[in-house]
């Protein structure tokens, strides 16, 4: 299932590009310029007027995602093919060592967790909000642009900056800057015990908190603060452990991946899907297959986790009974 999700993610790259530049997609023309852009530095937003068109900036970030997808498949320790060959012998270590396999398992869980939190808050009457999809092309552009600039602005300039300082203090020199790309790997090469670095934990929490606040400032409801914080914390952890390519692609999964299939179905002339799992007509939607894989993987991992926890509890009880010492009788 993980491989199927990775393959569908790969297909979403050309599908999304086709949908964005299609004349069937309504909204702002791709040739529109000038364009107001923004970046984040240490979580603070800075806006400026870009000189390139909507279509040109989309193509640029799209090309970056293609490159990051390749890097994710190739590393950070095992490439996807090697990881698959080593699963039988290395188990979870092989999965952890592959950026693509890690993405395929983490993304569904975090996505459904975020959806559950948002639905729970909405039911409780706490506004979460949503992005407008009236201007389809611009909405898609936003979802393509955001993952890259937000991961750099919230993860690299906060968590990565702290990792660079730690690396430099232990003698990393200019090589400390590599921590911006892959913090844990850089610190590990310097014999730094990352799990003992309180500054990394503080940076991850701070990054997630600012990420949540910026979503509310950006127009989401107050309820989005919680799910954005949880998701941002997950992005930060993945950034630290697996590096920038996997973190960006994890964020990309929430935005570009999901919306690329939605708009791909739209430009194919399909109406919005309303009965995802109750009608055979859903089989013609690309979006249906992505959502199905996400649900299957997430619930399979949940079932596996519950099984492992239950097994550990049973084994611990058996071990405690086996260690009961029978006192010898005194003569």
Foldseek 3Di string as FASTA:
>chain_A
DLVVLLVLLVVLLVLLLCLLQDPLQAADHQQDDFDKDWFAALLDIDIDTDGGGLNVVLVVLSVVLVVLSCVQQPFDAHHVVVLVVCCVPPNVVSLLGHLSSVLSQVLLQLVVVLVVLQVVCVVVVFFFADDDCPRVSVLLSCLSPPLVRLCCRLALNQLLVVLLVVCVVLPNPPVSNCSSFERQVSCVVSVHPVVPDVSNVVSLQSSLQSQLVVVVVVPTTNSSSVSSSSLSSVLNVCCHHTGDSSSSVSSSCVGSSLSSQQSSCVSVVDDHDDCLPPDPVNVVGSNSVSNVSSVVSNVVVVVVVVVVVVVVVVVVVVVVVVPDDDDDDDD
